[in-house]
Amino acid sequence: MVKIEKIRSFIAIELPAEVKQYLAELQKKLKAEKQLRIKWVRPEGIHLTLKFLGDIDMSMVKPVTQAMADAAAAITPFKLGIQQPGAFPNLQRAQVVWVGLGGEVDKLKQLHKKLDTNLAKLGFKTEQRPFKPHLTLARLGAEASAEQRQQLGELIAATRLEAGKAINVSDISLIKSQLTRDGAIYSRLGSVELSK
């Protein structure tokens, strides 16, 4: 029997190097809270996830890429801007640290919806939660106390960012994610351009 190779994958908007550098500097500011058990996302790995696909067969790469191309063909390039940091589920019980996104978010949401619709035709579940565009900076370990989570929330609330870091979105990528002990390693399987 032939074993079919599975790949852990997702669809994302990749970030320009200067935005990743900016986010690395923001992480440094937030790392002031040393005693917390925080797993920081490596700056080179930060991206805007549009759809997590999970483990897919290699044979699905082509149809998924076509679904991406069909969604991208309906959307012209757009700009996003980095906004203030925050935390899920909230600043009092911080579990995931992120920065929000502003700018042409309506176009981003249209792209997300079209992707979700196209991928549903291939058997992927549609997203039930509302789409909240963000860039994940860190995750707190389960051992962090309520007090530590609140301390981090206060630090996030006090952090002010300079406005105007722009992300020009002209394509979307299918990314392979390999989980290792040192964190995930990402490699691009393909990308499609937005409409001209």
N, C-alpha and C. Protein backbone atom coordinates (compact mmCIF):
# COMPACT_ATOMS: atom_id res chain seq x y z
N MET A 1 0.84 -1.20 0.00
CA MET A 1 0.00 0.00 0.00
C MET A 1 0.88 1.26 0.00
N VAL A 2 0.55 2.21 -0.84
CA VAL A 2 1.33 3.45 -0.95
C VAL A 2 0.93 4.41 0.17
N LYS A 3 1.94 4.91 0.89
CA LYS A 3 1.66 5.87 1.96
C LYS A 3 1.62 7.27 1.33
N ILE A 4 0.50 7.95 1.54
CA ILE A 4 0.34 9.30 0.98
C ILE A 4 0.96 10.31 1.94
N GLU A 5 1.85 11.15 1.39
CA GLU A 5 2.50 12.16 2.24
C GLU A 5 1.50 13.25 2.61
N LYS A 6 1.46 13.55 3.91
CA LYS A 6 0.60 14.63 4.40
C LYS A 6 1.48 15.82 4.75
N ILE A 7 0.97 17.00 4.48
CA ILE A 7 1.71 18.21 4.87
C ILE A 7 0.81 19.13 5.66
N ARG A 8 1.35 19.64 6.76
CA ARG A 8 0.63 20.61 7.58
C ARG A 8 0.75 21.94 6.85
N SER A 9 -0.37 22.60 6.59
CA SER A 9 -0.29 23.79 5.76
C SER A 9 -1.34 24.85 6.11
N PHE A 10 -1.11 26.04 5.60
CA PHE A 10 -2.05 27.15 5.77
C PHE A 10 -1.84 28.15 4.64
N ILE A 11 -2.84 29.02 4.47
CA ILE A 11 -2.77 30.09 3.46
C ILE A 11 -2.54 31.40 4.22
N ALA A 12 -1.59 32.20 3.74
CA ALA A 12 -1.23 33.40 4.48
C ALA A 12 -0.78 34.53 3.57
N ILE A 13 -0.75 35.71 4.17
CA ILE A 13 -0.12 36.87 3.55
C ILE A 13 1.25 36.98 4.22
N GLU A 14 2.30 36.92 3.41
CA GLU A 14 3.65 37.04 3.95
C GLU A 14 3.98 38.53 4.13
N LEU A 15 4.84 38.81 5.09
CA LEU A 15 5.15 40.20 5.44
C LEU A 15 6.50 40.62 4.87
N PRO A 16 6.62 41.92 4.50
CA PRO A 16 7.92 42.41 4.03
C PRO A 16 8.93 42.43 5.19
N ALA A 17 10.21 42.36 4.85
CA ALA A 17 11.30 42.29 5.84
C ALA A 17 11.25 43.46 6.83
N GLU A 18 10.92 44.67 6.34
CA GLU A 18 10.94 45.83 7.26
C GLU A 18 9.83 45.74 8.31
N VAL A 19 8.72 45.12 7.96
CA VAL A 19 7.62 44.94 8.93
C VAL A 19 8.03 43.89 9.96
N LYS A 20 8.68 42.83 9.51
CA LYS A 20 9.15 41.79 10.44
C LYS A 20 10.17 42.38 11.43
N GLN A 21 11.04 43.27 10.92
CA GLN A 21 12.03 43.92 11.78
C GLN A 21 11.34 44.80 12.82
N TYR A 22 10.34 45.53 12.38
CA TYR A 22 9.55 46.40 13.27
C TYR A 22 8.89 45.56 14.38
N LEU A 23 8.33 44.40 14.01
CA LEU A 23 7.67 43.53 14.98
C LEU A 23 8.69 42.92 15.94
N ALA A 24 9.90 42.66 15.45
CA ALA A 24 10.98 42.14 16.32
C ALA A 24 11.31 43.17 17.40
N GLU A 25 11.34 44.45 17.02
CA GLU A 25 11.62 45.51 17.98
C GLU A 25 10.48 45.63 19.01
N LEU A 26 9.25 45.44 18.54
CA LEU A 26 8.10 45.47 19.46
C LEU A 26 8.20 44.31 20.45
N GLN A 27 8.58 43.13 19.96
CA GLN A 27 8.74 41.97 20.85
C GLN A 27 9.78 42.27 21.93
N LYS A 28 10.88 42.94 21.55
CA LYS A 28 11.92 43.29 22.53
C LYS A 28 11.34 44.14 23.65
N LYS A 29 10.49 45.12 23.28
CA LYS A 29 9.86 45.98 24.30
C LYS A 29 9.01 45.16 25.25
N LEU A 30 8.26 44.21 24.69
CA LEU A 30 7.34 43.41 25.50
C LEU A 30 8.06 42.34 26.32
N LYS A 31 9.29 42.02 25.94
CA LYS A 31 10.06 41.00 26.66
C LYS A 31 10.57 41.52 28.00
N ALA A 32 10.23 42.75 28.34
CA ALA A 32 10.65 43.34 29.62
C ALA A 32 10.12 42.49 30.78
N GLU A 33 9.00 41.83 30.57
CA GLU A 33 8.37 41.00 31.62
C GLU A 33 9.07 39.63 31.60
N LYS A 34 10.29 39.58 32.14
CA LYS A 34 11.18 38.42 32.01
C LYS A 34 10.66 37.13 32.65
N GLN A 35 10.02 37.25 33.83
CA GLN A 35 9.69 36.03 34.57
C GLN A 35 8.54 35.23 33.94
N LEU A 36 7.88 35.77 32.94
CA LEU A 36 6.76 35.04 32.33
C LEU A 36 7.26 33.95 31.39
N ARG A 37 6.54 32.82 31.36
CA ARG A 37 6.84 31.74 30.41
C ARG A 37 6.11 32.05 29.11
N ILE A 38 6.79 32.80 28.24
CA ILE A 38 6.17 33.22 26.98
C ILE A 38 6.92 32.57 25.83
N LYS A 39 6.16 32.03 24.89
CA LYS A 39 6.77 31.45 23.69
C LYS A 39 6.61 32.50 22.58
N TRP A 40 7.71 33.16 22.26
CA TRP A 40 7.70 34.23 21.25
C TRP A 40 7.77 33.63 19.86
N VAL A 41 6.98 34.16 18.95
CA VAL A 41 7.04 33.74 17.54
C VAL A 41 8.31 34.36 16.96
N ARG A 42 9.10 33.55 16.25
CA ARG A 42 10.31 34.11 15.62
C ARG A 42 9.87 35.16 14.60
N PRO A 43 10.47 36.36 14.62
CA PRO A 43 10.03 37.44 13.72
C PRO A 43 9.97 37.03 12.26
N GLU A 44 10.93 36.20 11.81
CA GLU A 44 10.92 35.79 10.40
C GLU A 44 9.73 34.89 10.07
N GLY A 45 9.09 34.34 11.10
CA GLY A 45 7.94 33.45 10.87
C GLY A 45 6.59 34.14 11.01
N ILE A 46 6.57 35.42 11.38
CA ILE A 46 5.29 36.10 11.57
C ILE A 46 4.63 36.34 10.21
N HIS A 47 3.34 36.03 10.15
CA HIS A 47 2.57 36.16 8.90
C HIS A 47 1.11 36.41 9.27
N LEU A 48 0.31 36.74 8.29
CA LEU A 48 -1.12 36.93 8.49
C LEU A 48 -1.84 35.69 7.95
N THR A 49 -2.31 34.84 8.85
CA THR A 49 -3.00 33.61 8.44
C THR A 49 -4.39 33.94 7.91
N LEU A 50 -4.68 33.44 6.71
CA LEU A 50 -6.01 33.59 6.13
C LEU A 50 -6.85 32.33 6.34
N LYS A 51 -6.18 31.17 6.30
CA LYS A 51 -6.90 29.90 6.47
C LYS A 51 -5.91 28.82 6.87
N PHE A 52 -6.16 28.20 8.02
CA PHE A 52 -5.36 27.05 8.43
C PHE A 52 -6.00 25.81 7.83
N LEU A 53 -5.22 25.02 7.09
CA LEU A 53 -5.76 23.85 6.39
C LEU A 53 -5.52 22.55 7.16
N GLY A 54 -4.54 22.54 8.04
CA GLY A 54 -4.21 21.31 8.75
C GLY A 54 -3.38 20.39 7.88
N ASP A 55 -3.44 19.10 8.14
CA ASP A 55 -2.67 18.11 7.36
C ASP A 55 -3.43 17.77 6.09
N ILE A 56 -2.82 18.07 4.95
CA ILE A 56 -3.45 17.77 3.66
C ILE A 56 -2.55 16.83 2.85
N ASP A 57 -3.16 16.08 1.95
CA ASP A 57 -2.40 15.23 1.03
C ASP A 57 -1.66 16.13 0.03
N MET A 58 -0.49 15.71 -0.41
CA MET A 58 0.27 16.46 -1.43
C MET A 58 -0.58 16.67 -2.68
N SER A 59 -1.47 15.70 -2.96
CA SER A 59 -2.32 15.80 -4.16
C SER A 59 -3.31 16.97 -4.09
N MET A 60 -3.49 17.54 -2.88
CA MET A 60 -4.42 18.66 -2.71
C MET A 60 -3.77 20.01 -3.00
N VAL A 61 -2.44 20.04 -3.13
CA VAL A 61 -1.74 21.32 -3.33
C VAL A 61 -2.27 22.04 -4.57
N LYS A 62 -2.41 21.31 -5.68
CA LYS A 62 -2.86 21.93 -6.92
C LYS A 62 -4.29 22.47 -6.81
N PRO A 63 -5.28 21.67 -6.35
CA PRO A 63 -6.64 22.22 -6.23
C PRO A 63 -6.74 23.38 -5.22
N VAL A 64 -5.96 23.31 -4.14
CA VAL A 64 -5.97 24.41 -3.15
C VAL A 64 -5.41 25.67 -3.80
N THR A 65 -4.31 25.53 -4.55
CA THR A 65 -3.71 26.68 -5.23
C THR A 65 -4.70 27.28 -6.24
N GLN A 66 -5.47 26.43 -6.92
CA GLN A 66 -6.48 26.92 -7.87
C GLN A 66 -7.59 27.68 -7.13
N ALA A 67 -8.02 27.16 -5.98
CA ALA A 67 -9.04 27.85 -5.16
C ALA A 67 -8.52 29.21 -4.70
N MET A 68 -7.22 29.27 -4.37
CA MET A 68 -6.59 30.54 -3.99
C MET A 68 -6.60 31.51 -5.16
N ALA A 69 -6.23 31.00 -6.35
CA ALA A 69 -6.16 31.85 -7.55
C ALA A 69 -7.53 32.41 -7.89
N ASP A 70 -8.57 31.57 -7.78
CA ASP A 70 -9.94 32.03 -8.06
C ASP A 70 -10.37 33.13 -7.09
N ALA A 71 -10.00 32.99 -5.81
CA ALA A 71 -10.34 34.01 -4.81
C ALA A 71 -9.55 35.29 -5.06
N ALA A 72 -8.26 35.14 -5.37
CA ALA A 72 -7.37 36.29 -5.58
C ALA A 72 -7.75 37.09 -6.82
N ALA A 73 -8.30 36.40 -7.83
CA ALA A 73 -8.65 37.06 -9.09
C ALA A 73 -9.74 38.11 -8.91
N ALA A 74 -10.50 38.01 -7.82
CA ALA A 74 -11.61 38.94 -7.59
C ALA A 74 -11.22 40.16 -6.75
N ILE A 75 -9.97 40.18 -6.26
CA ILE A 75 -9.53 41.24 -5.34
C ILE A 75 -8.29 41.94 -5.91
N THR A 76 -8.32 43.28 -5.94
CA THR A 76 -7.14 44.04 -6.38
C THR A 76 -6.21 44.25 -5.18
N PRO A 77 -4.91 44.52 -5.43
CA PRO A 77 -3.97 44.75 -4.33
C PRO A 77 -4.47 45.83 -3.36
N PHE A 78 -4.08 45.66 -2.10
CA PHE A 78 -4.56 46.60 -1.06
C PHE A 78 -3.49 46.80 0.00
N LYS A 79 -3.74 47.80 0.87
CA LYS A 79 -2.77 48.14 1.92
C LYS A 79 -3.37 47.89 3.30
N LEU A 80 -2.53 47.34 4.18
CA LEU A 80 -2.90 47.19 5.59
C LEU A 80 -1.89 47.97 6.42
N GLY A 81 -2.29 48.36 7.60
CA GLY A 81 -1.39 49.08 8.49
C GLY A 81 -1.40 48.44 9.87
N ILE A 82 -0.24 48.44 10.51
CA ILE A 82 -0.13 47.86 11.85
C ILE A 82 -0.75 48.79 12.88
N GLN A 83 -1.56 48.21 13.76
CA GLN A 83 -2.21 48.98 14.82
C GLN A 83 -1.67 48.54 16.18
N GLN A 84 -2.32 48.99 17.24
CA GLN A 84 -1.85 48.72 18.60
C GLN A 84 -1.89 47.23 18.95
N PRO A 85 -1.01 46.81 19.86
CA PRO A 85 -1.03 45.41 20.30
C PRO A 85 -2.22 45.11 21.21
N GLY A 86 -2.54 43.83 21.32
CA GLY A 86 -3.63 43.39 22.19
C GLY A 86 -3.39 41.94 22.59
N ALA A 87 -4.41 41.32 23.19
CA ALA A 87 -4.28 39.92 23.62
C ALA A 87 -5.62 39.22 23.52
N PHE A 88 -5.56 37.93 23.21
CA PHE A 88 -6.74 37.07 23.26
C PHE A 88 -6.65 36.28 24.57
N PRO A 89 -7.73 36.00 25.31
CA PRO A 89 -9.09 36.46 25.04
C PRO A 89 -9.29 37.94 25.40
N ASN A 90 -8.44 38.45 26.33
CA ASN A 90 -8.49 39.88 26.69
C ASN A 90 -7.21 40.22 27.47
N LEU A 91 -7.04 41.50 27.77
CA LEU A 91 -5.81 41.94 28.44
C LEU A 91 -5.70 41.47 29.88
N GLN A 92 -6.81 41.14 30.51
CA GLN A 92 -6.78 40.66 31.90
C GLN A 92 -6.35 39.19 31.97
N ARG A 93 -6.59 38.43 30.89
CA ARG A 93 -6.28 36.99 30.89
C ARG A 93 -5.46 36.64 29.64
N ALA A 94 -4.42 37.41 29.39
CA ALA A 94 -3.65 37.26 28.14
C ALA A 94 -3.17 35.83 27.93
N GLN A 95 -3.47 35.28 26.75
CA GLN A 95 -2.97 33.96 26.35
C GLN A 95 -2.17 34.07 25.04
N VAL A 96 -2.69 34.91 24.12
CA VAL A 96 -2.02 35.14 22.84
C VAL A 96 -1.81 36.65 22.68
N VAL A 97 -0.57 37.04 22.41
CA VAL A 97 -0.24 38.46 22.22
C VAL A 97 -0.18 38.71 20.71
N TRP A 98 -0.79 39.80 20.27
CA TRP A 98 -0.88 40.10 18.83
C TRP A 98 -0.85 41.60 18.58
N VAL A 99 -0.67 41.97 17.31
CA VAL A 99 -0.92 43.36 16.89
C VAL A 99 -2.07 43.32 15.90
N GLY A 100 -2.91 44.34 15.99
CA GLY A 100 -4.07 44.43 15.10
C GLY A 100 -3.68 45.04 13.76
N LEU A 101 -4.62 44.99 12.83
CA LEU A 101 -4.38 45.52 11.50
C LEU A 101 -5.50 46.48 11.11
N GLY A 102 -5.12 47.58 10.47
CA GLY A 102 -6.08 48.54 9.96
C GLY A 102 -5.87 48.69 8.46
N GLY A 103 -6.37 49.77 7.90
CA GLY A 103 -6.24 49.99 6.46
C GLY A 103 -7.42 49.40 5.72
N GLU A 104 -7.14 48.80 4.56
CA GLU A 104 -8.22 48.28 3.71
C GLU A 104 -8.66 46.88 4.18
N VAL A 105 -9.15 46.84 5.42
CA VAL A 105 -9.55 45.58 6.04
C VAL A 105 -10.76 44.97 5.33
N ASP A 106 -11.62 45.81 4.72
CA ASP A 106 -12.78 45.28 3.99
C ASP A 106 -12.33 44.36 2.85
N LYS A 107 -11.30 44.77 2.13
CA LYS A 107 -10.77 43.93 1.03
C LYS A 107 -10.19 42.63 1.59
N LEU A 108 -9.50 42.75 2.72
CA LEU A 108 -8.93 41.57 3.37
C LEU A 108 -10.05 40.59 3.76
N LYS A 109 -11.13 41.12 4.31
CA LYS A 109 -12.26 40.26 4.72
C LYS A 109 -12.95 39.63 3.51
N GLN A 110 -13.04 40.38 2.41
CA GLN A 110 -13.62 39.82 1.17
C GLN A 110 -12.76 38.65 0.68
N LEU A 111 -11.44 38.85 0.70
CA LEU A 111 -10.51 37.81 0.26
C LEU A 111 -10.66 36.57 1.14
N HIS A 112 -10.73 36.78 2.45
CA HIS A 112 -10.89 35.67 3.40
C HIS A 112 -12.18 34.90 3.12
N LYS A 113 -13.27 35.64 2.89
CA LYS A 113 -14.58 35.00 2.64
C LYS A 113 -14.56 34.19 1.34
N LYS A 114 -13.97 34.77 0.29
CA LYS A 114 -13.89 34.06 -1.00
C LYS A 114 -13.04 32.79 -0.87
N LEU A 115 -11.94 32.89 -0.14
CA LEU A 115 -11.10 31.71 0.09
C LEU A 115 -11.88 30.63 0.82
N ASP A 116 -12.57 31.03 1.88
CA ASP A 116 -13.34 30.10 2.70
C ASP A 116 -14.40 29.37 1.84
N THR A 117 -15.08 30.14 0.99
CA THR A 117 -16.12 29.59 0.11
C THR A 117 -15.52 28.61 -0.89
N ASN A 118 -14.42 29.00 -1.53
CA ASN A 118 -13.77 28.15 -2.53
C ASN A 118 -13.22 26.86 -1.92
N LEU A 119 -12.65 26.98 -0.73
CA LEU A 119 -12.06 25.80 -0.08
C LEU A 119 -13.13 24.86 0.46
N ALA A 120 -14.29 25.40 0.79
CA ALA A 120 -15.41 24.55 1.25
C ALA A 120 -15.80 23.57 0.14
N LYS A 121 -15.68 24.01 -1.11
CA LYS A 121 -16.00 23.13 -2.25
C LYS A 121 -15.03 21.96 -2.36
N LEU A 122 -13.85 22.12 -1.73
CA LEU A 122 -12.85 21.04 -1.73
C LEU A 122 -12.94 20.19 -0.46
N GLY A 123 -13.94 20.51 0.39
CA GLY A 123 -14.14 19.71 1.60
C GLY A 123 -13.57 20.29 2.88
N PHE A 124 -12.99 21.50 2.82
CA PHE A 124 -12.49 22.14 4.04
C PHE A 124 -13.64 22.79 4.78
N LYS A 125 -13.62 22.70 6.11
CA LYS A 125 -14.69 23.30 6.92
C LYS A 125 -14.64 24.81 6.81
N THR A 126 -15.83 25.44 6.73
CA THR A 126 -15.87 26.91 6.73
C THR A 126 -15.64 27.40 8.15
N GLU A 127 -15.07 28.58 8.25
CA GLU A 127 -14.74 29.16 9.55
C GLU A 127 -16.03 29.65 10.21
N GLN A 128 -16.27 29.22 11.44
CA GLN A 128 -17.48 29.61 12.18
C GLN A 128 -17.28 30.90 12.97
N ARG A 129 -16.04 31.13 13.42
CA ARG A 129 -15.77 32.34 14.20
C ARG A 129 -15.58 33.52 13.26
N PRO A 130 -15.91 34.73 13.72
CA PRO A 130 -15.65 35.90 12.87
C PRO A 130 -14.15 36.06 12.65
N PHE A 131 -13.77 36.51 11.45
CA PHE A 131 -12.38 36.70 11.08
C PHE A 131 -11.84 37.95 11.76
N LYS A 132 -10.80 37.79 12.60
CA LYS A 132 -10.18 38.92 13.30
C LYS A 132 -8.74 39.01 12.85
N PRO A 133 -8.46 39.83 11.81
CA PRO A 133 -7.09 39.89 11.29
C PRO A 133 -6.10 40.39 12.34
N HIS A 134 -5.02 39.63 12.53
CA HIS A 134 -4.00 39.99 13.51
C HIS A 134 -2.71 39.26 13.18
N LEU A 135 -1.62 39.73 13.77
CA LEU A 135 -0.31 39.10 13.64
C LEU A 135 0.09 38.61 15.03
N THR A 136 0.24 37.30 15.19
CA THR A 136 0.58 36.73 16.51
C THR A 136 2.05 36.96 16.81
N LEU A 137 2.31 37.51 18.01
CA LEU A 137 3.68 37.78 18.46
C LEU A 137 4.15 36.74 19.47
N ALA A 138 3.22 36.22 20.31
CA ALA A 138 3.62 35.31 21.38
C ALA A 138 2.41 34.55 21.92
N ARG A 139 2.72 33.43 22.62
CA ARG A 139 1.70 32.66 23.33
C ARG A 139 2.22 32.40 24.74
N LEU A 140 1.32 32.49 25.72
CA LEU A 140 1.71 32.21 27.10
C LEU A 140 1.48 30.74 27.42
N GLY A 141 2.41 30.16 28.18
CA GLY A 141 2.27 28.77 28.60
C GLY A 141 1.15 28.62 29.62
N ALA A 142 0.63 27.42 29.73
CA ALA A 142 -0.48 27.13 30.65
C ALA A 142 -0.10 27.41 32.10
N GLU A 143 1.22 27.36 32.39
CA GLU A 143 1.66 27.55 33.78
C GLU A 143 1.69 29.01 34.23
N ALA A 144 1.46 29.95 33.32
CA ALA A 144 1.43 31.38 33.70
C ALA A 144 0.24 31.63 34.62
N SER A 145 0.47 32.30 35.73
CA SER A 145 -0.60 32.57 36.70
C SER A 145 -1.51 33.70 36.20
N ALA A 146 -2.67 33.81 36.83
CA ALA A 146 -3.63 34.88 36.48
C ALA A 146 -2.97 36.24 36.68
N GLU A 147 -2.18 36.37 37.73
CA GLU A 147 -1.50 37.64 38.02
C GLU A 147 -0.47 37.97 36.93
N GLN A 148 0.28 36.95 36.49
CA GLN A 148 1.27 37.17 35.44
C GLN A 148 0.60 37.56 34.12
N ARG A 149 -0.52 36.91 33.81
CA ARG A 149 -1.26 37.25 32.59
C ARG A 149 -1.74 38.70 32.63
N GLN A 150 -2.20 39.11 33.81
CA GLN A 150 -2.67 40.49 33.97
C GLN A 150 -1.50 41.48 33.85
N GLN A 151 -0.35 41.13 34.42
CA GLN A 151 0.86 41.98 34.33
C GLN A 151 1.22 42.20 32.86
N LEU A 152 1.21 41.11 32.09
CA LEU A 152 1.54 41.23 30.67
C LEU A 152 0.50 42.10 29.97
N GLY A 153 -0.78 41.91 30.31
CA GLY A 153 -1.85 42.72 29.74
C GLY A 153 -1.64 44.21 29.99
N GLU A 154 -1.17 44.54 31.20
CA GLU A 154 -0.90 45.94 31.54
C GLU A 154 0.26 46.49 30.71
N LEU A 155 1.28 45.66 30.51
CA LEU A 155 2.42 46.07 29.69
C LEU A 155 1.98 46.31 28.24
N ILE A 156 1.13 45.42 27.72
CA ILE A 156 0.62 45.56 26.35
C ILE A 156 -0.20 46.85 26.24
N ALA A 157 -1.07 47.09 27.22
CA ALA A 157 -1.93 48.29 27.21
C ALA A 157 -1.09 49.57 27.23
N ALA A 158 0.06 49.52 27.90
CA ALA A 158 0.91 50.72 28.03
C ALA A 158 1.82 50.92 26.81
N THR A 159 1.90 49.93 25.93
CA THR A 159 2.79 50.01 24.78
C THR A 159 2.13 50.79 23.65
N ARG A 160 2.81 51.83 23.18
CA ARG A 160 2.28 52.65 22.08
C ARG A 160 3.17 52.46 20.87
N LEU A 161 2.55 52.26 19.73
CA LEU A 161 3.30 52.06 18.49
C LEU A 161 3.22 53.30 17.63
N GLU A 162 4.28 53.53 16.87
CA GLU A 162 4.22 54.61 15.88
C GLU A 162 3.30 54.14 14.75
N ALA A 163 2.48 55.01 14.27
CA ALA A 163 1.55 54.64 13.21
C ALA A 163 2.27 54.61 11.87
N GLY A 164 1.67 53.95 10.90
CA GLY A 164 2.15 54.08 9.53
C GLY A 164 2.98 52.94 8.97
N LYS A 165 3.22 51.85 9.73
CA LYS A 165 3.92 50.70 9.13
C LYS A 165 2.96 50.01 8.18
N ALA A 166 3.23 50.09 6.89
CA ALA A 166 2.30 49.58 5.88
C ALA A 166 2.71 48.21 5.36
N ILE A 167 1.69 47.42 5.04
CA ILE A 167 1.87 46.12 4.39
C ILE A 167 1.13 46.21 3.06
N ASN A 168 1.88 46.18 1.95
CA ASN A 168 1.25 46.19 0.63
C ASN A 168 0.96 44.75 0.24
N VAL A 169 -0.32 44.43 0.10
CA VAL A 169 -0.71 43.05 -0.19
C VAL A 169 -0.98 42.91 -1.68
N SER A 170 -0.15 42.10 -2.36
CA SER A 170 -0.33 41.89 -3.79
C SER A 170 -0.43 40.40 -4.14
N ASP A 171 -0.17 39.53 -3.13
CA ASP A 171 -0.31 38.09 -3.38
C ASP A 171 -0.58 37.35 -2.08
N ILE A 172 -0.97 36.09 -2.21
CA ILE A 172 -1.18 35.22 -1.05
C ILE A 172 -0.41 33.93 -1.29
N SER A 173 0.00 33.28 -0.20
CA SER A 173 0.87 32.11 -0.31
C SER A 173 0.29 30.89 0.39
N LEU A 174 0.60 29.73 -0.17
CA LEU A 174 0.32 28.45 0.48
C LEU A 174 1.62 28.05 1.17
N ILE A 175 1.55 27.86 2.48
CA ILE A 175 2.75 27.63 3.30
C ILE A 175 2.70 26.25 3.94
N LYS A 176 3.86 25.58 3.88
CA LYS A 176 4.03 24.30 4.57
C LYS A 176 4.61 24.60 5.95
N SER A 177 4.08 23.97 6.98
CA SER A 177 4.54 24.19 8.34
C SER A 177 5.08 22.88 8.92
N GLN A 178 6.38 22.86 9.22
CA GLN A 178 6.99 21.68 9.84
C GLN A 178 7.22 22.00 11.31
N LEU A 179 6.60 21.23 12.19
CA LEU A 179 6.77 21.48 13.61
C LEU A 179 8.06 20.82 14.10
N THR A 180 8.89 21.61 14.78
CA THR A 180 10.14 21.09 15.36
C THR A 180 10.18 21.51 16.82
N ARG A 181 11.16 20.99 17.55
CA ARG A 181 11.31 21.35 18.96
C ARG A 181 11.61 22.85 19.13
N ASP A 182 12.25 23.43 18.12
CA ASP A 182 12.63 24.85 18.18
C ASP A 182 11.56 25.77 17.59
N GLY A 183 10.39 25.21 17.29
CA GLY A 183 9.31 26.00 16.70
C GLY A 183 9.05 25.56 15.27
N ALA A 184 8.05 26.17 14.67
CA ALA A 184 7.65 25.78 13.31
C ALA A 184 8.63 26.34 12.28
N ILE A 185 8.87 25.55 11.23
CA ILE A 185 9.67 26.00 10.09
C ILE A 185 8.72 26.10 8.92
N TYR A 186 8.68 27.29 8.31
CA TYR A 186 7.74 27.55 7.21
C TYR A 186 8.46 27.56 5.87
N SER A 187 7.81 26.96 4.86
CA SER A 187 8.33 27.06 3.50
C SER A 187 7.15 27.24 2.54
N ARG A 188 7.34 28.11 1.57
CA ARG A 188 6.28 28.43 0.62
C ARG A 188 6.15 27.31 -0.40
N LEU A 189 4.90 26.81 -0.58
CA LEU A 189 4.62 25.79 -1.59
C LEU A 189 4.21 26.44 -2.90
N GLY A 190 3.69 27.65 -2.80
CA GLY A 190 3.26 28.38 -3.99
C GLY A 190 2.59 29.67 -3.59
N SER A 191 2.47 30.59 -4.55
CA SER A 191 1.73 31.82 -4.25
C SER A 191 0.99 32.26 -5.51
N VAL A 192 -0.07 33.02 -5.29
CA VAL A 192 -0.86 33.56 -6.40
C VAL A 192 -1.03 35.06 -6.22
N GLU A 193 -1.02 35.77 -7.35
CA GLU A 193 -1.15 37.23 -7.29
C GLU A 193 -2.60 37.65 -7.27
N LEU A 194 -2.84 38.79 -6.62
CA LEU A 194 -4.18 39.38 -6.65
C LEU A 194 -4.43 39.95 -8.04
N SER A 195 -5.67 40.31 -8.30
CA SER A 195 -6.06 40.81 -9.63
C SER A 195 -5.30 42.09 -9.99
N LYS A 196 -4.97 42.22 -11.27
CA LYS A 196 -4.32 43.45 -11.73
C LYS A 196 -5.41 44.48 -12.03
